[in-house]
C-alpha atoms as a PDB file:
ATOM      1  CA  UNK A   1     -19.613 -18.145  11.050  1.00  0.00           C
ATOM      2  CA  UNK A   2     -17.926 -14.819  10.249  1.00  0.00           C
ATOM      3  CA  UNK A   3     -20.576 -12.481  11.561  1.00  0.00           C
ATOM      4  CA  UNK A   4     -23.802 -11.931  13.414  1.00  0.00           C
ATOM      5  CA  UNK A   5     -26.525 -11.035  10.923  1.00  0.00           C
ATOM      6  CA  UNK A   6     -28.881  -8.261  12.070  1.00  0.00           C
ATOM      7  CA  UNK A   7     -31.221  -7.460   9.215  1.00  0.00           C
ATOM      8  CA  UNK A   8     -29.104  -6.270   6.278  1.00  0.00           C
ATOM      9  CA  UNK A   9     -26.093  -5.668   8.519  1.00  0.00           C
ATOM     10  CA  UNK A  10     -23.330  -8.161   9.302  1.00  0.00           C
ATOM     11  CA  UNK A  11     -21.354  -7.531  12.484  1.00  0.00           C
ATOM     12  CA  UNK A  12     -17.977  -9.345  12.451  1.00  0.00           C
ATOM     13  CA  UNK A  13     -18.043 -12.120  15.025  1.00  0.00           C
ATOM     14  CA  UNK A  14     -14.849 -11.008  16.774  1.00  0.00           C
ATOM     15  CA  UNK A  15     -16.356  -7.570  17.405  1.00  0.00           C
ATOM     16  CA  UNK A  16     -19.476  -9.179  18.830  1.00  0.00           C
ATOM     17  CA  UNK A  17     -17.257 -11.276  21.125  1.00  0.00           C
ATOM     18  CA  UNK A  18     -15.495  -8.139  22.349  1.00  0.00           C
ATOM     19  CA  UNK A  19     -18.888  -6.494  22.956  1.00  0.00           C
ATOM     20  CA  UNK A  20     -20.066  -9.446  25.072  1.00  0.00           C
ATOM     21  CA  UNK A  21     -16.806  -9.478  27.031  1.00  0.00           C
ATOM     22  CA  UNK A  22     -17.088  -5.754  27.764  1.00  0.00           C
ATOM     23  CA  UNK A  23     -20.723  -6.236  28.746  1.00  0.00           C
ATOM     24  CA  UNK A  24     -19.597  -8.804  31.324  1.00  0.00           C
ATOM     25  CA  UNK A  25     -16.901  -6.403  32.550  1.00  0.00           C
ATOM     26  CA  UNK A  26     -19.436  -3.597  33.032  1.00  0.00           C
ATOM     27  CA  UNK A  27     -22.013  -5.891  34.665  1.00  0.00           C
ATOM     28  CA  UNK A  28     -19.613  -7.201  37.322  1.00  0.00           C
ATOM     29  CA  UNK A  29     -18.183  -3.733  37.972  1.00  0.00           C
ATOM     30  CA  UNK A  30     -21.663  -2.208  38.335  1.00  0.00           C
ATOM     31  CA  UNK A  31     -22.700  -4.865  40.842  1.00  0.00           C
ATOM     32  CA  UNK A  32     -19.529  -4.225  42.824  1.00  0.00           C
ATOM     33  CA  UNK A  33     -20.102  -0.475  42.621  1.00  0.00           C
ATOM     34  CA  UNK A  34     -23.562  -0.773  44.154  1.00  0.00           C
ATOM     35  CA  UNK A  35     -22.465  -3.117  46.910  1.00  0.00           C
ATOM     36  CA  UNK A  36     -18.942  -1.905  47.693  1.00  0.00           C
ATOM     37  CA  UNK A  37     -17.903   1.477  46.282  1.00  0.00           C
ATOM     38  CA  UNK A  38     -19.471   3.746  43.638  1.00  0.00           C
ATOM     39  CA  UNK A  39     -16.028   4.649  42.309  1.00  0.00           C
ATOM     40  CA  UNK A  40     -15.967   1.298  40.513  1.00  0.00           C
ATOM     41  CA  UNK A  41     -18.725   2.459  38.162  1.00  0.00           C
ATOM     42  CA  UNK A  42     -16.707   5.450  36.942  1.00  0.00           C
ATOM     43  CA  UNK A  43     -13.592   3.304  36.766  1.00  0.00           C
ATOM     44  CA  UNK A  44     -15.026   0.681  34.420  1.00  0.00           C
ATOM     45  CA  UNK A  45     -16.162   3.141  31.730  1.00  0.00           C
ATOM     46  CA  UNK A  46     -12.932   5.125  31.845  1.00  0.00           C
ATOM     47  CA  UNK A  47     -10.892   1.903  31.716  1.00  0.00           C
ATOM     48  CA  UNK A  48     -12.786   0.730  28.613  1.00  0.00           C
ATOM     49  CA  UNK A  49     -12.288   4.076  26.885  1.00  0.00           C
ATOM     50  CA  UNK A  50      -8.585   4.235  27.702  1.00  0.00           C
ATOM     51  CA  UNK A  51      -8.206   0.585  26.720  1.00  0.00           C
ATOM     52  CA  UNK A  52      -9.602   1.284  23.255  1.00  0.00           C
ATOM     53  CA  UNK A  53      -7.457   4.390  22.845  1.00  0.00           C
ATOM     54  CA  UNK A  54      -4.356   2.537  23.999  1.00  0.00           C
ATOM     55  CA  UNK A  55      -5.028  -0.435  21.704  1.00  0.00           C
ATOM     56  CA  UNK A  56      -5.519   1.870  18.725  1.00  0.00           C
ATOM     57  CA  UNK A  57      -2.450   4.005  19.454  1.00  0.00           C
ATOM     58  CA  UNK A  58      -0.370   0.886  19.927  1.00  0.00           C
ATOM     59  CA  UNK A  59      -1.442  -0.433  16.525  1.00  0.00           C
ATOM     60  CA  UNK A  60      -0.716   2.944  14.917  1.00  0.00           C
ATOM     61  CA  UNK A  61       2.769   3.065  16.442  1.00  0.00           C
ATOM     62  CA  UNK A  62       3.496  -0.477  15.282  1.00  0.00           C
ATOM     63  CA  UNK A  63       2.526   0.561  11.749  1.00  0.00           C
ATOM     64  CA  UNK A  64       3.823   4.132  11.883  1.00  0.00           C
ATOM     65  CA  UNK A  65       5.302   4.064   8.371  1.00  0.00           C
ATOM     66  CA  UNK A  66       1.909   3.170   6.871  1.00  0.00           C
ATOM     67  CA  UNK A  67      -0.067   5.764   8.816  1.00  0.00           C
ATOM     68  CA  UNK A  68       2.560   8.448   8.103  1.00  0.00           C
ATOM     69  CA  UNK A  69       1.488   8.393   4.450  1.00  0.00           C
ATOM     70  CA  UNK A  70      -2.112   9.139   5.428  1.00  0.00           C
ATOM     71  CA  UNK A  71      -2.297  10.494   9.003  1.00  0.00           C
ATOM     72  CA  UNK A  72      -6.066  10.963   8.809  1.00  0.00           C
ATOM     73  CA  UNK A  73      -6.472   7.187   8.505  1.00  0.00           C
ATOM     74  CA  UNK A  74      -5.592   6.944  12.210  1.00  0.00           C
ATOM     75  CA  UNK A  75      -9.237   7.917  12.781  1.00  0.00           C
ATOM     76  CA  UNK A  76     -10.660   5.168  10.516  1.00  0.00           C
ATOM     77  CA  UNK A  77     -11.364   2.876  13.449  1.00  0.00           C
ATOM     78  CA  UNK A  78     -14.205   1.101  11.619  1.00  0.00           C
ATOM     79  CA  UNK A  79     -11.529  -0.612   9.517  1.00  0.00           C
ATOM     80  CA  UNK A  80     -10.204  -2.326  12.632  1.00  0.00           C
ATOM     81  CA  UNK A  81      -6.611  -2.226  13.778  1.00  0.00           C
ATOM     82  CA  UNK A  82      -6.183  -2.590  17.545  1.00  0.00           C
ATOM     83  CA  UNK A  83      -3.387  -4.248  19.531  1.00  0.00           C
ATOM     84  CA  UNK A  84      -4.967  -5.812  22.647  1.00  0.00           C
ATOM     85  CA  UNK A  85      -1.753  -5.811  24.700  1.00  0.00           C
ATOM     86  CA  UNK A  86      -1.436  -2.019  24.463  1.00  0.00           C
ATOM     87  CA  UNK A  87      -5.076  -1.657  25.474  1.00  0.00           C
ATOM     88  CA  UNK A  88      -4.625  -3.929  28.487  1.00  0.00           C
ATOM     89  CA  UNK A  89      -1.541  -1.979  29.577  1.00  0.00           C
ATOM     90  CA  UNK A  90      -3.375   1.355  29.244  1.00  0.00           C
ATOM     91  CA  UNK A  91      -6.446   0.154  31.158  1.00  0.00           C
ATOM     92  CA  UNK A  92      -4.280  -1.578  33.760  1.00  0.00           C
ATOM     93  CA  UNK A  93      -2.150   1.484  34.336  1.00  0.00           C
ATOM     94  CA  UNK A  94      -5.232   3.639  34.753  1.00  0.00           C
ATOM     95  CA  UNK A  95      -6.659   1.118  37.235  1.00  0.00           C
ATOM     96  CA  UNK A  96      -3.550   1.219  39.412  1.00  0.00           C
ATOM     97  CA  UNK A  97      -3.637   5.017  39.514  1.00  0.00           C
ATOM     98  CA  UNK A  98      -7.389   5.600  39.810  1.00  0.00           C
ATOM     99  CA  UNK A  99      -8.436   2.996  42.362  1.00  0.00           C
ATOM    100  CA  UNK A 100      -7.212   2.517  45.930  1.00  0.00           C
ATOM    101  CA  UNK A 101      -5.626  -0.835  46.698  1.00  0.00           C
ATOM    102  CA  UNK A 102      -8.655  -2.168  48.538  1.00  0.00           C
ATOM    103  CA  UNK A 103     -10.656  -1.960  45.256  1.00  0.00           C
ATOM    104  CA  UNK A 104      -8.071  -3.576  42.978  1.00  0.00           C
ATOM    105  CA  UNK A 105      -9.454  -7.050  43.572  1.00  0.00           C
ATOM    106  CA  UNK A 106     -12.911  -5.983  42.360  1.00  0.00           C
ATOM    107  CA  UNK A 107     -11.378  -4.581  39.198  1.00  0.00           C
ATOM    108  CA  UNK A 108      -9.541  -7.881  38.754  1.00  0.00           C
ATOM    109  CA  UNK A 109     -12.765  -9.891  39.224  1.00  0.00           C
ATOM    110  CA  UNK A 110     -14.440  -7.763  36.565  1.00  0.00           C
ATOM    111  CA  UNK A 111     -11.558  -8.257  34.144  1.00  0.00           C
ATOM    112  CA  UNK A 112     -11.561 -12.019  34.793  1.00  0.00           C
ATOM    113  CA  UNK A 113     -15.285 -12.161  34.005  1.00  0.00           C
ATOM    114  CA  UNK A 114     -14.656 -10.419  30.690  1.00  0.00           C
ATOM    115  CA  UNK A 115     -11.764 -12.746  29.898  1.00  0.00           C
ATOM    116  CA  UNK A 116     -13.866 -15.792  30.736  1.00  0.00           C
ATOM    117  CA  UNK A 117     -16.689 -14.745  28.412  1.00  0.00           C
ATOM    118  CA  UNK A 118     -14.270 -14.017  25.579  1.00  0.00           C
ATOM    119  CA  UNK A 119     -12.394 -17.281  26.168  1.00  0.00           C
ATOM    120  CA  UNK A 120     -15.555 -19.410  26.130  1.00  0.00           C
ATOM    121  CA  UNK A 121     -16.540 -18.116  22.702  1.00  0.00           C
ATOM    122  CA  UNK A 122     -12.983 -18.555  21.406  1.00  0.00           C
ATOM    123  CA  UNK A 123     -12.945 -22.216  22.495  1.00  0.00           C
ATOM    124  CA  UNK A 124     -16.336 -22.830  20.891  1.00  0.00           C
ATOM    125  CA  UNK A 125     -15.093 -21.509  17.541  1.00  0.00           C
ATOM    126  CA  UNK A 126     -12.015 -23.736  17.459  1.00  0.00           C
ATOM    127  CA  UNK A 127     -11.880 -27.265  16.174  1.00  0.00           C
ATOM    128  CA  UNK A 128     -13.875 -26.704  12.988  1.00  0.00           C
ATOM    129  CA  UNK A 129     -13.108 -28.305   9.664  1.00  0.00           C
ATOM    130  CA  UNK A 130     -10.047 -27.134   7.798  1.00  0.00           C
ATOM    131  CA  UNK A 131     -11.064 -24.868   4.931  1.00  0.00           C
ATOM    132  CA  UNK A 132      -9.332 -25.378   1.598  1.00  0.00           C
ATOM    133  CA  UNK A 133      -9.215 -23.342  -1.573  1.00  0.00           C
ATOM    134  CA  UNK A 134     -12.372 -24.484  -3.403  1.00  0.00           C
ATOM    135  CA  UNK A 135     -12.234 -26.101  -6.826  1.00  0.00           C
ATOM    136  CA  UNK A 136     -14.442 -23.510  -8.497  1.00  0.00           C
ATOM    137  CA  UNK A 137     -14.070 -22.384 -12.099  1.00  0.00           C
ATOM    138  CA  UNK A 138     -14.690 -18.702 -12.820  1.00  0.00           C
ATOM    139  CA  UNK A 139     -14.009 -16.526 -15.851  1.00  0.00           C
ATOM    140  CA  UNK A 140     -11.682 -13.579 -16.393  1.00  0.00           C
ATOM    141  CA  UNK A 141     -12.933 -10.323 -17.899  1.00  0.00           C
ATOM    142  CA  UNK A 142     -11.858 -11.708 -21.267  1.00  0.00           C
ATOM    143  CA  UNK A 143     -13.907 -14.866 -20.786  1.00  0.00           C
ATOM    144  CA  UNK A 144     -11.025 -17.266 -20.090  1.00  0.00           C
ATOM    145  CA  UNK A 145     -12.029 -19.983 -17.584  1.00  0.00           C
ATOM    146  CA  UNK A 146      -9.822 -20.189 -14.461  1.00  0.00           C
ATOM    147  CA  UNK A 147     -10.032 -22.812 -11.754  1.00  0.00           C
ATOM    148  CA  UNK A 148      -8.978 -21.517  -8.349  1.00  0.00           C
ATOM    149  CA  UNK A 149      -6.874 -24.626  -7.842  1.00  0.00           C
ATOM    150  CA  UNK A 150      -4.548 -23.206 -10.494  1.00  0.00           C
ATOM    151  CA  UNK A 151      -3.493 -20.545  -7.967  1.00  0.00           C
ATOM    152  CA  UNK A 152      -1.902 -23.088  -5.621  1.00  0.00           C
ATOM    153  CA  UNK A 153       1.874 -22.886  -5.267  1.00  0.00           C
ATOM    154  CA  UNK A 154       1.883 -19.296  -4.034  1.00  0.00           C
ATOM    155  CA  UNK A 155       0.075 -17.624  -1.140  1.00  0.00           C
ATOM    156  CA  UNK A 156      -3.261 -16.265  -2.335  1.00  0.00           C
ATOM    157  CA  UNK A 157      -5.342 -13.289  -1.244  1.00  0.00           C
ATOM    158  CA  UNK A 158      -8.878 -13.845  -2.522  1.00  0.00           C
ATOM    159  CA  UNK A 159     -11.078 -10.771  -2.297  1.00  0.00           C
ATOM    160  CA  UNK A 160     -14.851 -11.056  -2.803  1.00  0.00           C
ATOM    161  CA  UNK A 161     -16.277  -7.700  -3.812  1.00  0.00           C
ATOM    162  CA  UNK A 162     -18.855  -5.862  -5.930  1.00  0.00           C
ATOM    163  CA  UNK A 163     -18.957  -2.484  -7.647  1.00  0.00           C
ATOM    164  CA  UNK A 164     -22.106  -1.452  -5.712  1.00  0.00           C
ATOM    165  CA  UNK A 165     -20.378  -2.025  -2.336  1.00  0.00           C
ATOM    166  CA  UNK A 166     -18.895   1.242  -0.901  1.00  0.00           C
ATOM    167  CA  UNK A 167     -16.304  -0.456   1.382  1.00  0.00           C
ATOM    168  CA  UNK A 168     -15.198  -2.608  -1.574  1.00  0.00           C
ATOM    169  CA  UNK A 169     -14.710   0.471  -3.717  1.00  0.00           C
ATOM    170  CA  UNK A 170     -12.694   2.207  -0.983  1.00  0.00           C
ATOM    171  CA  UNK A 171     -10.299  -0.668  -0.308  1.00  0.00           C
ATOM    172  CA  UNK A 172      -9.805  -1.911  -3.878  1.00  0.00           C
ATOM    173  CA  UNK A 173      -7.265   0.726  -5.062  1.00  0.00           C
ATOM    174  CA  UNK A 174      -5.071   0.044  -2.034  1.00  0.00           C
ATOM    175  CA  UNK A 175      -5.303  -3.717  -2.516  1.00  0.00           C
ATOM    176  CA  UNK A 176      -4.429  -3.469  -6.201  1.00  0.00           C
ATOM    177  CA  UNK A 177      -1.398  -1.330  -5.357  1.00  0.00           C
ATOM    178  CA  UNK A 178      -0.181  -3.805  -2.729  1.00  0.00           C
ATOM    179  CA  UNK A 179      -0.699  -6.678  -5.163  1.00  0.00           C
ATOM    180  CA  UNK A 180       1.764  -4.959  -7.492  1.00  0.00           C
ATOM    181  CA  UNK A 181       4.225  -4.275  -4.663  1.00  0.00           C
ATOM    182  CA  UNK A 182       4.139  -7.899  -3.418  1.00  0.00           C
ATOM    183  CA  UNK A 183       4.451 -10.182  -6.455  1.00  0.00           C
ATOM    184  CA  UNK A 184       5.359 -13.100  -4.170  1.00  0.00           C
ATOM    185  CA  UNK A 185       1.660 -13.233  -3.221  1.00  0.00           C
ATOM    186  CA  UNK A 186      -1.158 -13.694  -5.725  1.00  0.00           C
ATOM    187  CA  UNK A 187      -4.196 -11.441  -5.449  1.00  0.00           C
ATOM    188  CA  UNK A 188      -7.485 -12.432  -7.078  1.00  0.00           C
ATOM    189  CA  UNK A 189     -10.513 -10.135  -7.057  1.00  0.00           C
ATOM    190  CA  UNK A 190     -13.746 -12.089  -7.566  1.00  0.00           C
ATOM    191  CA  UNK A 191     -16.692  -9.873  -8.426  1.00  0.00           C
ATOM    192  CA  UNK A 192     -19.909 -11.221  -6.943  1.00  0.00           C
ATOM    193  CA  UNK A 193     -23.152 -11.235  -8.929  1.00  0.00           C
ATOM    194  CA  UNK A 194     -22.016  -8.914 -11.711  1.00  0.00           C
ATOM    195  CA  UNK A 195     -21.265  -9.198 -15.409  1.00  0.00           C
ATOM    196  CA  UNK A 196     -18.154  -8.193 -17.358  1.00  0.00           C
ATOM    197  CA  UNK A 197     -19.510  -4.871 -18.673  1.00  0.00           C
ATOM    198  CA  UNK A 198     -20.229  -3.481 -15.195  1.00  0.00           C
ATOM    199  CA  UNK A 199     -16.897  -4.605 -13.747  1.00  0.00           C
ATOM    200  CA  UNK A 200     -14.842  -3.446 -16.738  1.00  0.00           C
ATOM    201  CA  UNK A 201     -16.527  -0.032 -16.722  1.00  0.00           C
ATOM    202  CA  UNK A 202     -15.796   0.445 -13.016  1.00  0.00           C
ATOM    203  CA  UNK A 203     -12.139  -0.556 -13.326  1.00  0.00           C
ATOM    204  CA  UNK A 204     -11.618   1.734 -16.316  1.00  0.00           C
ATOM    205  CA  UNK A 205     -13.299   4.627 -14.523  1.00  0.00           C
ATOM    206  CA  UNK A 206     -11.069   4.123 -11.468  1.00  0.00           C
ATOM    207  CA  UNK A 207      -7.969   3.465 -13.638  1.00  0.00           C
ATOM    208  CA  UNK A 208      -7.350   0.134 -11.931  1.00  0.00           C
ATOM    209  CA  UNK A 209      -5.680  -2.813 -13.644  1.00  0.00           C
ATOM    210  CA  UNK A 210      -5.480  -5.824 -11.304  1.00  0.00           C
ATOM    211  CA  UNK A 211      -3.799  -8.858 -12.812  1.00  0.00           C
ATOM    212  CA  UNK A 212      -6.543 -11.270 -11.769  1.00  0.00           C
ATOM    213  CA  UNK A 213     -10.141 -10.083 -11.953  1.00  0.00           C
ATOM    214  CA  UNK A 214     -12.594 -12.968 -11.873  1.00  0.00           C
ATOM    215  CA  UNK A 215     -16.322 -12.944 -12.564  1.00  0.00           C
ATOM    216  CA  UNK A 216     -18.684 -14.866 -10.310  1.00  0.00           C
ATOM    217  CA  UNK A 217     -22.156 -13.862 -11.564  1.00  0.00           C
ATOM    218  CA  UNK A 218     -23.791 -16.781  -9.731  1.00  0.00           C
ATOM    219  CA  UNK A 219     -21.982 -15.985  -6.427  1.00  0.00           C
ATOM    220  CA  UNK A 220     -20.584 -19.519  -6.245  1.00  0.00           C
ATOM    221  CA  UNK A 221     -17.720 -18.436  -4.003  1.00  0.00           C
ATOM    222  CA  UNK A 222     -19.990 -16.647  -1.555  1.00  0.00           C
ATOM    223  CA  UNK A 223     -22.002 -19.845  -1.189  1.00  0.00           C
ATOM    224  CA  UNK A 224     -19.086 -22.287  -1.014  1.00  0.00           C
ATOM    225  CA  UNK A 225     -17.074 -20.132   1.411  1.00  0.00           C
ATOM    226  CA  UNK A 226     -20.205 -19.124   3.364  1.00  0.00           C
ATOM    227  CA  UNK A 227     -19.624 -15.402   3.320  1.00  0.00           C
ATOM    228  CA  UNK A 228     -22.094 -13.155   5.112  1.00  0.00           C
ATOM    229  CA  UNK A 229     -21.244  -9.810   3.589  1.00  0.00           C
ATOM    230  CA  UNK A 230     -18.970  -7.872   1.257  1.00  0.00           C
ATOM    231  CA  UNK A 231     -16.125  -7.266   1.109  1.00  0.00           C
ATOM    232  CA  UNK A 232     -14.743 -10.510   2.499  1.00  0.00           C
ATOM    233  CA  UNK A 233     -11.076 -11.367   2.012  1.00  0.00           C
ATOM    234  CA  UNK A 234      -9.591 -14.862   2.343  1.00  0.00           C
ATOM    235  CA  UNK A 235      -5.917 -15.640   2.874  1.00  0.00           C
ATOM    236  CA  UNK A 236      -4.715 -19.049   1.640  1.00  0.00           C
ATOM    237  CA  UNK A 237      -1.212 -20.455   1.995  1.00  0.00           C
ATOM    238  CA  UNK A 238       0.712 -21.969  -0.933  1.00  0.00           C
ATOM    239  CA  UNK A 239      -0.901 -25.361  -0.275  1.00  0.00           C
ATOM    240  CA  UNK A 240      -4.408 -23.916  -0.499  1.00  0.00           C
ATOM    241  CA  UNK A 241      -5.156 -23.981   3.240  1.00  0.00           C
ATOM    242  CA  UNK A 242      -7.146 -21.086   4.671  1.00  0.00           C
ATOM    243  CA  UNK A 243      -4.963 -19.109   7.070  1.00  0.00           C
ATOM    244  CA  UNK A 244      -7.294 -16.195   7.841  1.00  0.00           C
ATOM    245  CA  UNK A 245     -10.450 -14.471   6.665  1.00  0.00           C
ATOM    246  CA  UNK A 246     -11.600 -10.903   7.146  1.00  0.00           C
ATOM    247  CA  UNK A 247     -15.117  -9.571   6.820  1.00  0.00           C
ATOM    248  CA  UNK A 248     -15.342  -5.856   6.086  1.00  0.00           C
ATOM    249  CA  UNK A 249     -13.085  -3.121   4.801  1.00  0.00           C
ATOM    250  CA  UNK A 250      -9.352  -3.665   5.200  1.00  0.00           C
ATOM    251  CA  UNK A 251      -6.866  -0.948   6.039  1.00  0.00           C
ATOM    252  CA  UNK A 252      -3.399  -1.061   4.482  1.00  0.00           C
ATOM    253  CA  UNK A 253      -1.818  -1.772   7.862  1.00  0.00           C
ATOM    254  CA  UNK A 254      -4.137  -4.724   8.515  1.00  0.00           C
ATOM    255  CA  UNK A 255      -3.583  -6.152   5.048  1.00  0.00           C
ATOM    256  CA  UNK A 256       0.186  -5.945   5.462  1.00  0.00           C
ATOM    257  CA  UNK A 257      -0.186  -7.789   8.763  1.00  0.00           C
ATOM    258  CA  UNK A 258      -2.076 -10.598   7.039  1.00  0.00           C
ATOM    259  CA  UNK A 259       0.581 -10.769   4.330  1.00  0.00           C
ATOM    260  CA  UNK A 260       3.276 -11.231   6.983  1.00  0.00           C
ATOM    261  CA  UNK A 261       1.326 -14.203   8.354  1.00  0.00           C
ATOM    262  CA  UNK A 262       1.138 -15.771   4.878  1.00  0.00           C
ATOM    263  CA  UNK A 263       4.924 -15.799   4.382  1.00  0.00           C
END
């Protein structure tokens, strides 16, 4: 399961896990604040805020060359891009400065509760079946049939998208550019539920020319790979094993990180 479905919205599962972990952190800290010291209530909210800021700034610094080309993208937090270690260091440093020593153990108990909740869900998600590149035949814009198994032998980035999907439209130009800059990795863009005229018109309007544009009018891939929203991007190694999957819009920095994992 990639996401929690709430009506028409799909919330990526990892974000929901983080939300539950933070909820546990706040709950334990609030109980301690009422029974021990009210300063713990202020501490927990400030620590969460500084943790998020630290995690984001850490990710930006690690990918400074990417963000330098578009500094405003530092604010595009909905795309993801956080380094947990930096967030933990920021929140931990604030804790040491803001709380007296006699309250440190309560902060630690709260953090352990959050870690326990997150860890339980992580363990539950492990041990599933290995996902392989499906043997599905789709067609190119020109009508040539292509079986996805033909892409084995090189790492593959498989992007499921649609022209009506705003996040898909935003990320596609960047993904096409990176596909041209990284020929050692294949990129395939599988349009979901649309015909050739619609897709061709969109690509011509946006002046995009990806090498592999595949048509999936019956949304076979969405069903086989059990996607819960668009865009969803799958990362397969050269043997066709799924290495990672990402639901939602990708930033350039995140995509480059996935490409490093594929090599």
